[in-house]
Amino acid sequence: MTKKILIGAACIAGLTAGAMTTATTANAAISAGYAYVCSARYETQSTYMGDDGGVRISFYDAPNCTGSYLGYGYLYSAGSPYVTADDQHSEARLLTYFDMAGRAAESGQRVYISTCSGSVGCIEKLNFYGD
């Protein structure tokens, strides 16, 4: 049985051509696909990340930072000019995402990224799988 946990939204950038299931280029709309978290970093306040900073997550197509690099994504806080209010998170939620993404990186856990509408390169959901 596959278990999954819905973790939230992120925005991803820097994908290479064909890296995800149907991804095209770094600046094109990003398609859904499976990936593995390589690293997670909490970034402090900045104009683009929002009032409470954000979380940067990097993705590969194989566990433990192996295979091809797919790109990186951000979880933004309130006040970010780059995402809608629906895609902005409280500091507490960002810290939870940071913790869960870090665990996924350590364990080689597979994730599924779903894109959101209205923001180019934005991820609607990040599902963590326990298989």
C-alpha atoms as a PDB file:
ATOM      1  CA  MET A   1       0.000   0.000   0.000  1.00  0.00           C
ATOM      2  CA  THR A   2       1.322   3.412  -0.932  1.00  0.00           C
ATOM      3  CA  LYS A   3       0.991   6.094   1.721  1.00  0.00           C
ATOM      4  CA  LYS A   4       1.113   9.719   0.788  1.00  0.00           C
ATOM      5  CA  ILE A   5       1.037  12.939   2.725  1.00  0.00           C
ATOM      6  CA  LEU A   6      -0.030  16.190   1.153  1.00  0.00           C
ATOM      7  CA  ILE A   7       2.544  18.739   2.197  1.00  0.00           C
ATOM      8  CA  GLY A   8       1.618  21.919   0.405  1.00  0.00           C
ATOM      9  CA  ALA A   9       2.603  24.225  -2.370  1.00  0.00           C
ATOM     10  CA  ALA A  10       5.929  25.289  -3.757  1.00  0.00           C
ATOM     11  CA  CYS A  11       7.219  27.058  -6.816  1.00  0.00           C
ATOM     12  CA  ILE A  12       9.908  25.393  -8.860  1.00  0.00           C
ATOM     13  CA  ALA A  13      12.457  26.857 -11.225  1.00  0.00           C
ATOM     14  CA  GLY A  14      15.522  25.774 -13.115  1.00  0.00           C
ATOM     15  CA  LEU A  15      14.245  22.555 -14.661  1.00  0.00           C
ATOM     16  CA  THR A  16      16.167  21.239 -17.617  1.00  0.00           C
ATOM     17  CA  ALA A  17      14.518  20.085 -20.833  1.00  0.00           C
ATOM     18  CA  GLY A  18      12.658  16.818 -20.376  1.00  0.00           C
ATOM     19  CA  ALA A  19      13.744  16.452 -16.768  1.00  0.00           C
ATOM     20  CA  MET A  20      10.312  15.802 -15.313  1.00  0.00           C
ATOM     21  CA  THR A  21       7.583  13.795 -16.959  1.00  0.00           C
ATOM     22  CA  THR A  22       6.640  16.523 -19.436  1.00  0.00           C
ATOM     23  CA  ALA A  23       8.740  19.482 -18.346  1.00  0.00           C
ATOM     24  CA  THR A  24      10.278  21.528 -21.119  1.00  0.00           C
ATOM     25  CA  THR A  25      12.587  24.401 -20.198  1.00  0.00           C
ATOM     26  CA  ALA A  26      13.552  26.362 -17.119  1.00  0.00           C
ATOM     27  CA  ASN A  27      11.190  29.253 -17.828  1.00  0.00           C
ATOM     28  CA  ALA A  28       8.311  27.275 -19.320  1.00  0.00           C
ATOM     29  CA  ALA A  29       5.253  26.080 -17.432  1.00  0.00           C
ATOM     30  CA  ILE A  30       6.176  23.098 -15.301  1.00  0.00           C
ATOM     31  CA  SER A  31       4.311  19.827 -15.579  1.00  0.00           C
ATOM     32  CA  ALA A  32       3.567  17.353 -12.846  1.00  0.00           C
ATOM     33  CA  GLY A  33       5.974  14.536 -12.143  1.00  0.00           C
ATOM     34  CA  TYR A  34       7.807  12.348  -9.676  1.00  0.00           C
ATOM     35  CA  ALA A  35      11.053  13.479  -8.129  1.00  0.00           C
ATOM     36  CA  TYR A  36      13.277  13.014  -5.102  1.00  0.00           C
ATOM     37  CA  VAL A  37      14.213  15.732  -2.649  1.00  0.00           C
ATOM     38  CA  CYS A  38      17.958  16.300  -2.548  1.00  0.00           C
ATOM     39  CA  SER A  39      18.133  19.188  -0.105  1.00  0.00           C
ATOM     40  CA  ALA A  40      16.034  21.725   1.737  1.00  0.00           C
ATOM     41  CA  ARG A  41      17.207  25.118   2.945  1.00  0.00           C
ATOM     42  CA  TYR A  42      15.343  27.725   4.985  1.00  0.00           C
ATOM     43  CA  GLU A  43      16.086  31.152   3.540  1.00  0.00           C
ATOM     44  CA  THR A  44      15.625  34.186   5.749  1.00  0.00           C
ATOM     45  CA  GLN A  45      13.615  37.242   4.888  1.00  0.00           C
ATOM     46  CA  SER A  46      14.067  38.824   1.505  1.00  0.00           C
ATOM     47  CA  THR A  47      11.875  40.873  -0.762  1.00  0.00           C
ATOM     48  CA  TYR A  48      10.964  37.989  -3.035  1.00  0.00           C
ATOM     49  CA  MET A  49      10.579  35.230  -0.403  1.00  0.00           C
ATOM     50  CA  GLY A  50       8.086  37.114   1.752  1.00  0.00           C
ATOM     51  CA  ASP A  51       7.947  38.438   5.295  1.00  0.00           C
ATOM     52  CA  ASP A  52       9.078  35.199   6.984  1.00  0.00           C
ATOM     53  CA  GLY A  53      11.482  33.965   4.318  1.00  0.00           C
ATOM     54  CA  GLY A  54      10.938  30.680   2.550  1.00  0.00           C
ATOM     55  CA  VAL A  55      12.117  27.143   1.953  1.00  0.00           C
ATOM     56  CA  ARG A  56      14.211  26.178  -1.083  1.00  0.00           C
ATOM     57  CA  ILE A  57      13.988  22.523  -2.114  1.00  0.00           C
ATOM     58  CA  SER A  58      16.133  20.893  -4.808  1.00  0.00           C
ATOM     59  CA  PHE A  59      14.969  17.857  -6.787  1.00  0.00           C
ATOM     60  CA  TYR A  60      16.652  14.959  -8.611  1.00  0.00           C
ATOM     61  CA  ASP A  61      15.170  12.077 -10.591  1.00  0.00           C
ATOM     62  CA  ALA A  62      16.728   9.450  -8.308  1.00  0.00           C
ATOM     63  CA  PRO A  63      17.115   9.149  -4.529  1.00  0.00           C
ATOM     64  CA  ASN A  64      19.976  10.579  -2.492  1.00  0.00           C
ATOM     65  CA  CYS A  65      20.922  13.351  -4.946  1.00  0.00           C
ATOM     66  CA  THR A  66      21.743  10.891  -7.728  1.00  0.00           C
ATOM     67  CA  GLY A  67      20.569  10.767 -11.300  1.00  0.00           C
ATOM     68  CA  SER A  68      19.707  13.957 -13.139  1.00  0.00           C
ATOM     69  CA  TYR A  69      19.182  17.302 -11.449  1.00  0.00           C
ATOM     70  CA  LEU A  70      15.601  18.452 -12.049  1.00  0.00           C
ATOM     71  CA  GLY A  71      15.684  21.887 -10.480  1.00  0.00           C
ATOM     72  CA  TYR A  72      14.665  23.619  -7.303  1.00  0.00           C
ATOM     73  CA  GLY A  73      11.490  25.050  -5.852  1.00  0.00           C
ATOM     74  CA  TYR A  74      10.394  27.489  -3.197  1.00  0.00           C
ATOM     75  CA  LEU A  75       7.757  27.624  -0.513  1.00  0.00           C
ATOM     76  CA  TYR A  76       6.992  31.322  -0.002  1.00  0.00           C
ATOM     77  CA  SER A  77       5.679  33.228   3.011  1.00  0.00           C
ATOM     78  CA  ALA A  78       3.074  35.986   3.194  1.00  0.00           C
ATOM     79  CA  GLY A  79       4.145  39.159   1.467  1.00  0.00           C
ATOM     80  CA  SER A  80       5.925  37.525  -1.461  1.00  0.00           C
ATOM     81  CA  PRO A  81       5.203  39.382  -4.712  1.00  0.00           C
ATOM     82  CA  TYR A  82       5.837  36.250  -6.814  1.00  0.00           C
ATOM     83  CA  VAL A  83       2.924  34.035  -5.783  1.00  0.00           C
ATOM     84  CA  THR A  84      -0.745  34.509  -4.986  1.00  0.00           C
ATOM     85  CA  ALA A  85      -1.992  34.626  -1.410  1.00  0.00           C
ATOM     86  CA  ASP A  86      -3.156  31.002  -1.760  1.00  0.00           C
ATOM     87  CA  ASP A  87       0.466  29.926  -2.280  1.00  0.00           C
ATOM     88  CA  GLN A  88       1.891  31.863   0.688  1.00  0.00           C
ATOM     89  CA  HIS A  89       2.542  30.117   3.990  1.00  0.00           C
ATOM     90  CA  SER A  90       2.853  30.999   7.658  1.00  0.00           C
ATOM     91  CA  GLU A  91       6.220  30.699   9.364  1.00  0.00           C
ATOM     92  CA  ALA A  92       5.001  27.643  11.300  1.00  0.00           C
ATOM     93  CA  ARG A  93       3.925  25.915   8.100  1.00  0.00           C
ATOM     94  CA  LEU A  94       7.225  26.769   6.392  1.00  0.00           C
ATOM     95  CA  LEU A  95       9.140  25.200   9.275  1.00  0.00           C
ATOM     96  CA  THR A  96       7.010  22.056   8.974  1.00  0.00           C
ATOM     97  CA  TYR A  97       7.670  21.879   5.234  1.00  0.00           C
ATOM     98  CA  PHE A  98      11.375  22.406   5.855  1.00  0.00           C
ATOM     99  CA  ASP A  99      11.419  19.531   8.346  1.00  0.00           C
ATOM    100  CA  MET A 100       9.472  17.146   6.098  1.00  0.00           C
ATOM    101  CA  ALA A 101      11.545  17.960   3.014  1.00  0.00           C
ATOM    102  CA  GLY A 102      14.731  17.431   5.024  1.00  0.00           C
ATOM    103  CA  ARG A 103      13.495  14.022   6.146  1.00  0.00           C
ATOM    104  CA  ALA A 104      12.627  13.126   2.556  1.00  0.00           C
ATOM    105  CA  ALA A 105      16.141  14.089   1.464  1.00  0.00           C
ATOM    106  CA  GLU A 106      17.742  11.989   4.215  1.00  0.00           C
ATOM    107  CA  SER A 107      15.627   8.923   3.485  1.00  0.00           C
ATOM    108  CA  GLY A 108      15.535   9.098  -0.325  1.00  0.00           C
ATOM    109  CA  GLN A 109      11.757   9.470  -0.248  1.00  0.00           C
ATOM    110  CA  ARG A 110       9.920   9.881  -3.556  1.00  0.00           C
ATOM    111  CA  VAL A 111       7.612  12.874  -4.035  1.00  0.00           C
ATOM    112  CA  TYR A 112       5.033  13.825  -6.624  1.00  0.00           C
ATOM    113  CA  ILE A 113       4.805  17.450  -7.736  1.00  0.00           C
ATOM    114  CA  SER A 114       1.509  18.870  -9.055  1.00  0.00           C
ATOM    115  CA  THR A 115       1.421  22.235 -10.747  1.00  0.00           C
ATOM    116  CA  CYS A 116      -0.985  25.006  -9.785  1.00  0.00           C
ATOM    117  CA  SER A 117      -2.895  27.298 -12.096  1.00  0.00           C
ATOM    118  CA  GLY A 118      -2.249  30.992 -12.436  1.00  0.00           C
ATOM    119  CA  SER A 119       1.453  31.067 -11.556  1.00  0.00           C
ATOM    120  CA  VAL A 120       4.035  29.900 -14.084  1.00  0.00           C
ATOM    121  CA  GLY A 121       6.314  27.344 -12.487  1.00  0.00           C
ATOM    122  CA  CYS A 122       4.266  27.075  -9.301  1.00  0.00           C
ATOM    123  CA  ILE A 123       3.645  23.706  -7.684  1.00  0.00           C
ATOM    124  CA  GLU A 124       0.202  23.175  -6.218  1.00  0.00           C
ATOM    125  CA  LYS A 125       0.982  20.073  -4.158  1.00  0.00           C
ATOM    126  CA  LEU A 126       3.973  18.113  -3.032  1.00  0.00           C
ATOM    127  CA  ASN A 127       2.971  14.566  -2.101  1.00  0.00           C
ATOM    128  CA  PHE A 128       5.422  12.459  -0.104  1.00  0.00           C
ATOM    129  CA  TYR A 129       5.323   8.687  -0.714  1.00  0.00           C
ATOM    130  CA  GLY A 130       6.289   5.958   1.715  1.00  0.00           C
ATOM    131  CA  ASP A 131       7.055   3.252  -0.815  1.00  0.00           C
END
